[in-house]
């Protein structure tokens, strides 16, 4: 059905690694105030919504965040 190829879309060459910047970037994705945390909060809040239209909005926002 799907073919997963573990390769980048374009080659990346890192001349000088910067661990401090890498730590900051990773925290923006997976930290408590990052994209993944926000996405999961939106998707979990949709189950308590009484109106189907608002469930759809939270689903759209949650999937866009991730």
C-alpha atoms as a PDB file:
ATOM      1  CA  UNK A   1       0.000   0.000   0.000  1.00  0.00           C
ATOM      2  CA  UNK A   2       2.621   2.536   1.113  1.00  0.00           C
ATOM      3  CA  UNK A   3       6.334   2.416   0.466  1.00  0.00           C
ATOM      4  CA  UNK A   4       8.428   4.021   3.189  1.00  0.00           C
ATOM      5  CA  UNK A   5      11.848   5.202   2.074  1.00  0.00           C
ATOM      6  CA  UNK A   6      14.002   6.646   4.829  1.00  0.00           C
ATOM      7  CA  UNK A   7      15.743   9.363   2.853  1.00  0.00           C
ATOM      8  CA  UNK A   8      15.624  13.139   2.718  1.00  0.00           C
ATOM      9  CA  UNK A   9      14.029  15.070  -0.116  1.00  0.00           C
ATOM     10  CA  UNK A  10      17.312  16.853  -0.740  1.00  0.00           C
ATOM     11  CA  UNK A  11      20.858  16.261   0.554  1.00  0.00           C
ATOM     12  CA  UNK A  12      21.864  18.023   3.767  1.00  0.00           C
ATOM     13  CA  UNK A  13      25.458  18.827   4.578  1.00  0.00           C
ATOM     14  CA  UNK A  14      26.178  20.217   8.032  1.00  0.00           C
ATOM     15  CA  UNK A  15      29.432  22.164   8.045  1.00  0.00           C
ATOM     16  CA  UNK A  16      29.531  23.067  11.758  1.00  0.00           C
ATOM     17  CA  UNK A  17      27.175  21.305  14.191  1.00  0.00           C
ATOM     18  CA  UNK A  18      25.551  23.525  16.801  1.00  0.00           C
ATOM     19  CA  UNK A  19      24.182  21.436  19.717  1.00  0.00           C
ATOM     20  CA  UNK A  20      22.624  24.439  21.486  1.00  0.00           C
ATOM     21  CA  UNK A  21      20.573  25.393  18.421  1.00  0.00           C
ATOM     22  CA  UNK A  22      19.631  21.744  17.837  1.00  0.00           C
ATOM     23  CA  UNK A  23      18.357  21.480  21.423  1.00  0.00           C
ATOM     24  CA  UNK A  24      16.244  24.621  20.942  1.00  0.00           C
ATOM     25  CA  UNK A  25      14.737  23.334  17.685  1.00  0.00           C
ATOM     26  CA  UNK A  26      13.869  19.947  19.216  1.00  0.00           C
ATOM     27  CA  UNK A  27      12.239  21.659  22.210  1.00  0.00           C
ATOM     28  CA  UNK A  28      10.001  23.642  19.845  1.00  0.00           C
ATOM     29  CA  UNK A  29       8.669  20.399  18.367  1.00  0.00           C
ATOM     30  CA  UNK A  30       8.454  18.121  21.376  1.00  0.00           C
ATOM     31  CA  UNK A  31       8.686  20.336  24.446  1.00  0.00           C
ATOM     32  CA  UNK A  32       5.767  21.314  26.689  1.00  0.00           C
ATOM     33  CA  UNK A  33       5.097  24.450  24.651  1.00  0.00           C
ATOM     34  CA  UNK A  34       5.997  22.863  21.332  1.00  0.00           C
ATOM     35  CA  UNK A  35       4.028  21.929  18.246  1.00  0.00           C
ATOM     36  CA  UNK A  36       3.377  18.337  19.264  1.00  0.00           C
ATOM     37  CA  UNK A  37       2.015  19.321  22.685  1.00  0.00           C
ATOM     38  CA  UNK A  38      -0.330  21.881  21.151  1.00  0.00           C
ATOM     39  CA  UNK A  39      -1.508  19.400  18.551  1.00  0.00           C
ATOM     40  CA  UNK A  40      -2.336  16.767  21.147  1.00  0.00           C
ATOM     41  CA  UNK A  41      -4.198  19.303  23.308  1.00  0.00           C
ATOM     42  CA  UNK A  42      -6.416  20.315  20.384  1.00  0.00           C
ATOM     43  CA  UNK A  43      -7.084  16.723  19.410  1.00  0.00           C
ATOM     44  CA  UNK A  44      -7.902  15.642  22.972  1.00  0.00           C
ATOM     45  CA  UNK A  45     -10.247  18.623  23.542  1.00  0.00           C
ATOM     46  CA  UNK A  46     -12.356  17.686  20.540  1.00  0.00           C
ATOM     47  CA  UNK A  47     -13.897  14.759  22.439  1.00  0.00           C
ATOM     48  CA  UNK A  48     -15.525  17.106  24.958  1.00  0.00           C
ATOM     49  CA  UNK A  49     -17.045  19.438  22.326  1.00  0.00           C
ATOM     50  CA  UNK A  50     -20.842  19.368  22.248  1.00  0.00           C
ATOM     51  CA  UNK A  51     -21.145  20.658  18.663  1.00  0.00           C
ATOM     52  CA  UNK A  52     -19.959  18.651  15.639  1.00  0.00           C
ATOM     53  CA  UNK A  53     -18.867  21.812  13.801  1.00  0.00           C
ATOM     54  CA  UNK A  54     -16.466  22.682  16.605  1.00  0.00           C
ATOM     55  CA  UNK A  55     -15.148  19.122  16.702  1.00  0.00           C
ATOM     56  CA  UNK A  56     -14.252  19.523  13.051  1.00  0.00           C
ATOM     57  CA  UNK A  57     -12.493  22.827  13.704  1.00  0.00           C
ATOM     58  CA  UNK A  58     -10.415  21.335  16.527  1.00  0.00           C
ATOM     59  CA  UNK A  59      -9.570  18.341  14.352  1.00  0.00           C
ATOM     60  CA  UNK A  60      -8.405  20.640  11.547  1.00  0.00           C
ATOM     61  CA  UNK A  61      -6.305  22.772  13.900  1.00  0.00           C
ATOM     62  CA  UNK A  62      -4.823  19.744  15.649  1.00  0.00           C
ATOM     63  CA  UNK A  63      -3.781  18.065  12.433  1.00  0.00           C
ATOM     64  CA  UNK A  64      -2.351  21.320  11.072  1.00  0.00           C
ATOM     65  CA  UNK A  65      -0.205  21.801  14.193  1.00  0.00           C
ATOM     66  CA  UNK A  66       1.453  18.410  13.899  1.00  0.00           C
END
